[in-house]
Amino acid sequence: MRTARERKVTAIFLEPLVSPKLAETLAREVGVRLLTLDPIEGVTRKEAAEGIGYLELMARNLQSLREGLGCR
């Protein structure tokens, strides 16, 4: 936790295909946001049926990265 604070970590990123328990604990302990980075393997059947694919997931990932890293 000390290293995260010293390095001014602002977010913990996680993949939806992995158990979120560790990431949730880290984010809570450090006091930062928890944001998702979604691999293409994470597209659910429902999302695929709605037309959500690689480009949409990467756009979401870009938004998470911008938010978590303080970019524009």
PDB file of N, CA and C in Angstrom:
ATOM      1  N   MET A   1       0.818  -1.180   0.000  1.00  0.00           N
ATOM      2  CA  MET A   1       0.000   0.000   0.000  1.00  0.00           C
ATOM      3  C   MET A   1       0.879   1.267   0.000  1.00  0.00           C
ATOM      4  N   ARG A   2       1.964   1.189   0.731  1.00  0.00           N
ATOM      5  CA  ARG A   2       2.848   2.345   0.819  1.00  0.00           C
ATOM      6  C   ARG A   2       3.382   2.728  -0.561  1.00  0.00           C
ATOM      7  N   THR A   3       3.783   1.729  -1.349  1.00  0.00           N
ATOM      8  CA  THR A   3       4.319   2.001  -2.681  1.00  0.00           C
ATOM      9  C   THR A   3       3.273   2.670  -3.562  1.00  0.00           C
ATOM     10  N   ALA A   4       2.028   2.191  -3.483  1.00  0.00           N
ATOM     11  CA  ALA A   4       0.950   2.788  -4.280  1.00  0.00           C
ATOM     12  C   ALA A   4       0.748   4.249  -3.894  1.00  0.00           C
ATOM     13  N   ARG A   5       0.806   4.524  -2.629  1.00  0.00           N
ATOM     14  CA  ARG A   5       0.640   5.916  -2.171  1.00  0.00           C
ATOM     15  C   ARG A   5       1.834   6.780  -2.574  1.00  0.00           C
ATOM     16  N   GLU A   6       3.041   6.235  -2.419  1.00  0.00           N
ATOM     17  CA  GLU A   6       4.246   6.978  -2.789  1.00  0.00           C
ATOM     18  C   GLU A   6       4.262   7.307  -4.272  1.00  0.00           C
ATOM     19  N   ARG A   7       3.768   6.391  -5.077  1.00  0.00           N
ATOM     20  CA  ARG A   7       3.763   6.594  -6.533  1.00  0.00           C
ATOM     21  C   ARG A   7       2.499   7.300  -7.024  1.00  0.00           C
ATOM     22  N   LYS A   8       1.668   7.698  -6.068  1.00  0.00           N
ATOM     23  CA  LYS A   8       0.443   8.449  -6.358  1.00  0.00           C
ATOM     24  C   LYS A   8      -0.480   7.720  -7.330  1.00  0.00           C
ATOM     25  N   VAL A   9      -0.669   6.438  -7.064  1.00  0.00           N
ATOM     26  CA  VAL A   9      -1.596   5.637  -7.865  1.00  0.00           C
ATOM     27  C   VAL A   9      -2.988   6.220  -7.700  1.00  0.00           C
ATOM     28  N   THR A  10      -3.701   6.382  -8.818  1.00  0.00           N
ATOM     29  CA  THR A  10      -5.034   6.978  -8.774  1.00  0.00           C
ATOM     30  C   THR A  10      -6.142   5.991  -9.091  1.00  0.00           C
ATOM     31  N   ALA A  11      -5.761   4.807  -9.586  1.00  0.00           N
ATOM     32  CA  ALA A  11      -6.779   3.812  -9.939  1.00  0.00           C
ATOM     33  C   ALA A  11      -6.167   2.424  -9.967  1.00  0.00           C
ATOM     34  N   ILE A  12      -7.017   1.451  -9.720  1.00  0.00           N
ATOM     35  CA  ILE A  12      -6.663   0.050  -9.879  1.00  0.00           C
ATOM     36  C   ILE A  12      -7.510  -0.453 -11.046  1.00  0.00           C
ATOM     37  N   PHE A  13      -6.866  -1.098 -12.002  1.00  0.00           N
ATOM     38  CA  PHE A  13      -7.571  -1.626 -13.164  1.00  0.00           C
ATOM     39  C   PHE A  13      -7.758  -3.131 -13.001  1.00  0.00           C
ATOM     40  N   LEU A  14      -8.900  -3.622 -13.465  1.00  0.00           N
ATOM     41  CA  LEU A  14      -9.148  -5.050 -13.419  1.00  0.00           C
ATOM     42  C   LEU A  14      -9.841  -5.491 -14.690  1.00  0.00           C
ATOM     43  N   GLU A  15      -9.753  -6.783 -14.960  1.00  0.00           N
ATOM     44  CA  GLU A  15     -10.458  -7.401 -16.082  1.00  0.00           C
ATOM     45  C   GLU A  15     -11.716  -8.058 -15.544  1.00  0.00           C
ATOM     46  N   PRO A  16     -12.803  -7.990 -16.283  1.00  0.00           N
ATOM     47  CA  PRO A  16     -14.051  -8.590 -15.805  1.00  0.00           C
ATOM     48  C   PRO A  16     -14.030 -10.114 -15.786  1.00  0.00           C
ATOM     49  N   LEU A  17     -13.057 -10.732 -16.444  1.00  0.00           N
ATOM     50  CA  LEU A  17     -12.987 -12.194 -16.481  1.00  0.00           C
ATOM     51  C   LEU A  17     -12.235 -12.783 -15.290  1.00  0.00           C
ATOM     52  N   VAL A  18     -11.693 -11.913 -14.443  1.00  0.00           N
ATOM     53  CA  VAL A  18     -10.915 -12.331 -13.283  1.00  0.00           C
ATOM     54  C   VAL A  18     -11.671 -11.929 -12.021  1.00  0.00           C
ATOM     55  N   SER A  19     -11.535 -12.728 -10.987  1.00  0.00           N
ATOM     56  CA  SER A  19     -12.188 -12.398  -9.724  1.00  0.00           C
ATOM     57  C   SER A  19     -11.767 -11.003  -9.272  1.00  0.00           C
ATOM     58  N   PRO A  20     -12.726 -10.161  -8.930  1.00  0.00           N
ATOM     59  CA  PRO A  20     -12.412  -8.784  -8.550  1.00  0.00           C
ATOM     60  C   PRO A  20     -11.975  -8.602  -7.095  1.00  0.00           C
ATOM     61  N   LYS A  21     -11.973  -9.649  -6.310  1.00  0.00           N
ATOM     62  CA  LYS A  21     -11.737  -9.521  -4.872  1.00  0.00           C
ATOM     63  C   LYS A  21     -10.434  -8.802  -4.524  1.00  0.00           C
ATOM     64  N   LEU A  22      -9.330  -9.208  -5.120  1.00  0.00           N
ATOM     65  CA  LEU A  22      -8.041  -8.587  -4.817  1.00  0.00           C
ATOM     66  C   LEU A  22      -8.032  -7.121  -5.253  1.00  0.00           C
ATOM     67  N   ALA A  23      -8.496  -6.851  -6.463  1.00  0.00           N
ATOM     68  CA  ALA A  23      -8.522  -5.477  -6.965  1.00  0.00           C
ATOM     69  C   ALA A  23      -9.420  -4.592  -6.103  1.00  0.00           C
ATOM     70  N   GLU A  24     -10.557  -5.106  -5.683  1.00  0.00           N
ATOM     71  CA  GLU A  24     -11.457  -4.345  -4.818  1.00  0.00           C
ATOM     72  C   GLU A  24     -10.799  -4.024  -3.484  1.00  0.00           C
ATOM     73  N   THR A  25     -10.109  -5.001  -2.919  1.00  0.00           N
ATOM     74  CA  THR A  25      -9.419  -4.796  -1.644  1.00  0.00           C
ATOM     75  C   THR A  25      -8.311  -3.754  -1.791  1.00  0.00           C
ATOM     76  N   LEU A  26      -7.505  -3.882  -2.839  1.00  0.00           N
ATOM     77  CA  LEU A  26      -6.435  -2.918  -3.071  1.00  0.00           C
ATOM     78  C   LEU A  26      -6.982  -1.505  -3.250  1.00  0.00           C
ATOM     79  N   ALA A  27      -8.010  -1.383  -4.077  1.00  0.00           N
ATOM     80  CA  ALA A  27      -8.590  -0.055  -4.322  1.00  0.00           C
ATOM     81  C   ALA A  27      -9.126   0.550  -3.033  1.00  0.00           C
ATOM     82  N   ARG A  28      -9.785  -0.262  -2.232  1.00  0.00           N
ATOM     83  CA  ARG A  28     -10.340   0.224  -0.964  1.00  0.00           C
ATOM     84  C   ARG A  28      -9.220   0.628  -0.005  1.00  0.00           C
ATOM     85  N   GLU A  29      -8.196  -0.209   0.112  1.00  0.00           N
ATOM     86  CA  GLU A  29      -7.094   0.068   1.045  1.00  0.00           C
ATOM     87  C   GLU A  29      -6.296   1.304   0.639  1.00  0.00           C
ATOM     88  N   VAL A  30      -6.081   1.484  -0.652  1.00  0.00           N
ATOM     89  CA  VAL A  30      -5.296   2.621  -1.129  1.00  0.00           C
ATOM     90  C   VAL A  30      -6.175   3.869  -1.242  1.00  0.00           C
ATOM     91  N   GLY A  31      -7.485   3.670  -1.363  1.00  0.00           N
ATOM     92  CA  GLY A  31      -8.408   4.789  -1.479  1.00  0.00           C
ATOM     93  C   GLY A  31      -8.495   5.351  -2.891  1.00  0.00           C
ATOM     94  N   VAL A  32      -8.466   4.450  -3.870  1.00  0.00           N
ATOM     95  CA  VAL A  32      -8.530   4.876  -5.271  1.00  0.00           C
ATOM     96  C   VAL A  32      -9.707   4.205  -5.981  1.00  0.00           C
ATOM     97  N   ARG A  33      -9.947   4.658  -7.190  1.00  0.00           N
ATOM     98  CA  ARG A  33     -11.041   4.099  -7.996  1.00  0.00           C
ATOM     99  C   ARG A  33     -10.678   2.744  -8.565  1.00  0.00           C
ATOM    100  N   LEU A  34     -11.698   1.972  -8.838  1.00  0.00           N
ATOM    101  CA  LEU A  34     -11.565   0.671  -9.482  1.00  0.00           C
ATOM    102  C   LEU A  34     -12.170   0.805 -10.872  1.00  0.00           C
ATOM    103  N   LEU A  35     -11.360   0.569 -11.899  1.00  0.00           N
ATOM    104  CA  LEU A  35     -11.806   0.744 -13.279  1.00  0.00           C
ATOM    105  C   LEU A  35     -11.549  -0.533 -14.075  1.00  0.00           C
ATOM    106  N   THR A  36     -12.364  -0.750 -15.087  1.00  0.00           N
ATOM    107  CA  THR A  36     -12.299  -1.975 -15.876  1.00  0.00           C
ATOM    108  C   THR A  36     -11.541  -1.770 -17.178  1.00  0.00           C
ATOM    109  N   LEU A  37     -10.705  -2.740 -17.509  1.00  0.00           N
ATOM    110  CA  LEU A  37     -10.098  -2.876 -18.828  1.00  0.00           C
ATOM    111  C   LEU A  37     -10.564  -4.221 -19.361  1.00  0.00           C
ATOM    112  N   ASP A  38     -11.317  -4.193 -20.430  1.00  0.00           N
ATOM    113  CA  ASP A  38     -12.043  -5.361 -20.908  1.00  0.00           C
ATOM    114  C   ASP A  38     -11.395  -5.974 -22.149  1.00  0.00           C
ATOM    115  N   PRO A  39     -10.952  -7.240 -22.079  1.00  0.00           N
ATOM    116  CA  PRO A  39     -10.426  -7.898 -23.271  1.00  0.00           C
ATOM    117  C   PRO A  39     -11.594  -8.339 -24.163  1.00  0.00           C
ATOM    118  N   ILE A  40     -11.327  -8.584 -25.402  1.00  0.00           N
ATOM    119  CA  ILE A  40     -12.373  -8.985 -26.345  1.00  0.00           C
ATOM    120  C   ILE A  40     -13.060 -10.272 -25.893  1.00  0.00           C
ATOM    121  N   GLU A  41     -12.348 -11.116 -25.151  1.00  0.00           N
ATOM    122  CA  GLU A  41     -12.944 -12.357 -24.663  1.00  0.00           C
ATOM    123  C   GLU A  41     -14.085 -12.098 -23.688  1.00  0.00           C
ATOM    124  N   GLY A  42     -14.176 -10.856 -23.206  1.00  0.00           N
ATOM    125  CA  GLY A  42     -15.185 -10.518 -22.223  1.00  0.00           C
ATOM    126  C   GLY A  42     -16.543 -10.155 -22.792  1.00  0.00           C
ATOM    127  N   VAL A  43     -16.683 -10.164 -24.120  1.00  0.00           N
ATOM    128  CA  VAL A  43     -17.979  -9.816 -24.723  1.00  0.00           C
ATOM    129  C   VAL A  43     -18.983 -10.919 -24.396  1.00  0.00           C
ATOM    130  N   THR A  44     -20.066 -10.514 -23.756  1.00  0.00           N
ATOM    131  CA  THR A  44     -21.112 -11.481 -23.436  1.00  0.00           C
ATOM    132  C   THR A  44     -21.997 -11.712 -24.659  1.00  0.00           C
ATOM    133  N   ARG A  45     -22.778 -12.739 -24.617  1.00  0.00           N
ATOM    134  CA  ARG A  45     -23.701 -13.004 -25.727  1.00  0.00           C
ATOM    135  C   ARG A  45     -24.663 -11.848 -25.916  1.00  0.00           C
ATOM    136  N   LYS A  46     -25.128 -11.302 -24.804  1.00  0.00           N
ATOM    137  CA  LYS A  46     -26.048 -10.171 -24.864  1.00  0.00           C
ATOM    138  C   LYS A  46     -25.387  -8.972 -25.542  1.00  0.00           C
ATOM    139  N   GLU A  47     -24.148  -8.666 -25.146  1.00  0.00           N
ATOM    140  CA  GLU A  47     -23.436  -7.546 -25.758  1.00  0.00           C
ATOM    141  C   GLU A  47     -23.217  -7.782 -27.245  1.00  0.00           C
ATOM    142  N   ALA A  48     -22.826  -8.996 -27.596  1.00  0.00           N
ATOM    143  CA  ALA A  48     -22.611  -9.328 -29.011  1.00  0.00           C
ATOM    144  C   ALA A  48     -23.901  -9.152 -29.803  1.00  0.00           C
ATOM    145  N   ALA A  49     -25.015  -9.577 -29.221  1.00  0.00           N
ATOM    146  CA  ALA A  49     -26.315  -9.425 -29.884  1.00  0.00           C
ATOM    147  C   ALA A  49     -26.679  -7.959 -30.054  1.00  0.00           C
ATOM    148  N   GLU A  50     -26.193  -7.113 -29.148  1.00  0.00           N
ATOM    149  CA  GLU A  50     -26.446  -5.670 -29.215  1.00  0.00           C
ATOM    150  C   GLU A  50     -25.452  -4.955 -30.129  1.00  0.00           C
ATOM    151  N   GLY A  51     -24.557  -5.718 -30.746  1.00  0.00           N
ATOM    152  CA  GLY A  51     -23.593  -5.126 -31.669  1.00  0.00           C
ATOM    153  C   GLY A  51     -22.335  -4.602 -31.015  1.00  0.00           C
ATOM    154  N   ILE A  52     -22.112  -4.954 -29.765  1.00  0.00           N
ATOM    155  CA  ILE A  52     -20.902  -4.520 -29.066  1.00  0.00           C
ATOM    156  C   ILE A  52     -19.780  -5.484 -29.410  1.00  0.00           C
ATOM    157  N   GLY A  53     -18.703  -4.944 -29.936  1.00  0.00           N
ATOM    158  CA  GLY A  53     -17.565  -5.762 -30.329  1.00  0.00           C
ATOM    159  C   GLY A  53     -16.259  -5.124 -29.912  1.00  0.00           C
ATOM    160  N   TYR A  54     -15.208  -5.467 -30.638  1.00  0.00           N
ATOM    161  CA  TYR A  54     -13.859  -5.034 -30.311  1.00  0.00           C
ATOM    162  C   TYR A  54     -13.733  -3.510 -30.206  1.00  0.00           C
ATOM    163  N   LEU A  55     -14.222  -2.793 -31.208  1.00  0.00           N
ATOM    164  CA  LEU A  55     -14.065  -1.336 -31.207  1.00  0.00           C
ATOM    165  C   LEU A  55     -14.770  -0.690 -30.026  1.00  0.00           C
ATOM    166  N   GLU A  56     -15.947  -1.170 -29.703  1.00  0.00           N
ATOM    167  CA  GLU A  56     -16.686  -0.608 -28.570  1.00  0.00           C
ATOM    168  C   GLU A  56     -15.968  -0.887 -27.252  1.00  0.00           C
ATOM    169  N   LEU A  57     -15.443  -2.103 -27.106  1.00  0.00           N
ATOM    170  CA  LEU A  57     -14.698  -2.433 -25.888  1.00  0.00           C
ATOM    171  C   LEU A  57     -13.440  -1.588 -25.759  1.00  0.00           C
ATOM    172  N   MET A  58     -12.738  -1.389 -26.866  1.00  0.00           N
ATOM    173  CA  MET A  58     -11.521  -0.580 -26.820  1.00  0.00           C
ATOM    174  C   MET A  58     -11.851   0.877 -26.511  1.00  0.00           C
ATOM    175  N   ALA A  59     -12.991   1.368 -26.978  1.00  0.00           N
ATOM    176  CA  ALA A  59     -13.411   2.734 -26.637  1.00  0.00           C
ATOM    177  C   ALA A  59     -13.690   2.836 -25.140  1.00  0.00           C
ATOM    178  N   ARG A  60     -14.320   1.813 -24.570  1.00  0.00           N
ATOM    179  CA  ARG A  60     -14.553   1.789 -23.118  1.00  0.00           C
ATOM    180  C   ARG A  60     -13.220   1.753 -22.371  1.00  0.00           C
ATOM    181  N   ASN A  61     -12.297   0.913 -22.870  1.00  0.00           N
ATOM    182  CA  ASN A  61     -10.983   0.817 -22.236  1.00  0.00           C
ATOM    183  C   ASN A  61     -10.258   2.156 -22.268  1.00  0.00           C
ATOM    184  N   LEU A  62     -10.349   2.845 -23.400  1.00  0.00           N
ATOM    185  CA  LEU A  62      -9.715   4.154 -23.516  1.00  0.00           C
ATOM    186  C   LEU A  62     -10.300   5.122 -22.494  1.00  0.00           C
ATOM    187  N   GLN A  63     -11.599   5.086 -22.319  1.00  0.00           N
ATOM    188  CA  GLN A  63     -12.245   5.953 -21.328  1.00  0.00           C
ATOM    189  C   GLN A  63     -11.747   5.625 -19.917  1.00  0.00           C
ATOM    190  N   SER A  64     -11.642   4.323 -19.596  1.00  0.00           N
ATOM    191  CA  SER A  64     -11.124   3.916 -18.287  1.00  0.00           C
ATOM    192  C   SER A  64      -9.697   4.378 -18.085  1.00  0.00           C
ATOM    193  N   LEU A  65      -8.866   4.235 -19.124  1.00  0.00           N
ATOM    194  CA  LEU A  65      -7.480   4.668 -19.026  1.00  0.00           C
ATOM    195  C   LEU A  65      -7.380   6.177 -18.842  1.00  0.00           C
ATOM    196  N   ARG A  66      -8.174   6.916 -19.599  1.00  0.00           N
ATOM    197  CA  ARG A  66      -8.169   8.375 -19.461  1.00  0.00           C
ATOM    198  C   ARG A  66      -8.567   8.777 -18.036  1.00  0.00           C
ATOM    199  N   GLU A  67      -9.612   8.139 -17.549  1.00  0.00           N
ATOM    200  CA  GLU A  67     -10.103   8.449 -16.201  1.00  0.00           C
ATOM    201  C   GLU A  67      -9.062   8.092 -15.141  1.00  0.00           C
ATOM    202  N   GLY A  68      -8.538   6.882 -15.240  1.00  0.00           N
ATOM    203  CA  GLY A  68      -7.618   6.390 -14.230  1.00  0.00           C
ATOM    204  C   GLY A  68      -6.258   7.058 -14.232  1.00  0.00           C
ATOM    205  N   LEU A  69      -5.830   7.507 -15.408  1.00  0.00           N
ATOM    206  CA  LEU A  69      -4.502   8.115 -15.521  1.00  0.00           C
ATOM    207  C   LEU A  69      -4.559   9.636 -15.598  1.00  0.00           C
ATOM    208  N   GLY A  70      -5.768  10.181 -15.557  1.00  0.00           N
ATOM    209  CA  GLY A  70      -5.926  11.625 -15.570  1.00  0.00           C
ATOM    210  C   GLY A  70      -5.593  12.264 -16.899  1.00  0.00           C
ATOM    211  N   CYS A  71      -5.883  11.554 -17.988  1.00  0.00           N
ATOM    212  CA  CYS A  71      -5.606  12.060 -19.331  1.00  0.00           C
ATOM    213  C   CYS A  71      -6.856  12.705 -19.918  1.00  0.00           C
ATOM    214  N   ARG A  72      -6.662  13.416 -21.000  1.00  0.00           N
ATOM    215  CA  ARG A  72      -7.785  14.015 -21.728  1.00  0.00           C
ATOM    216  C   ARG A  72      -8.094  13.247 -22.963  1.00  0.00           C
TER     217      ARG A  72
END
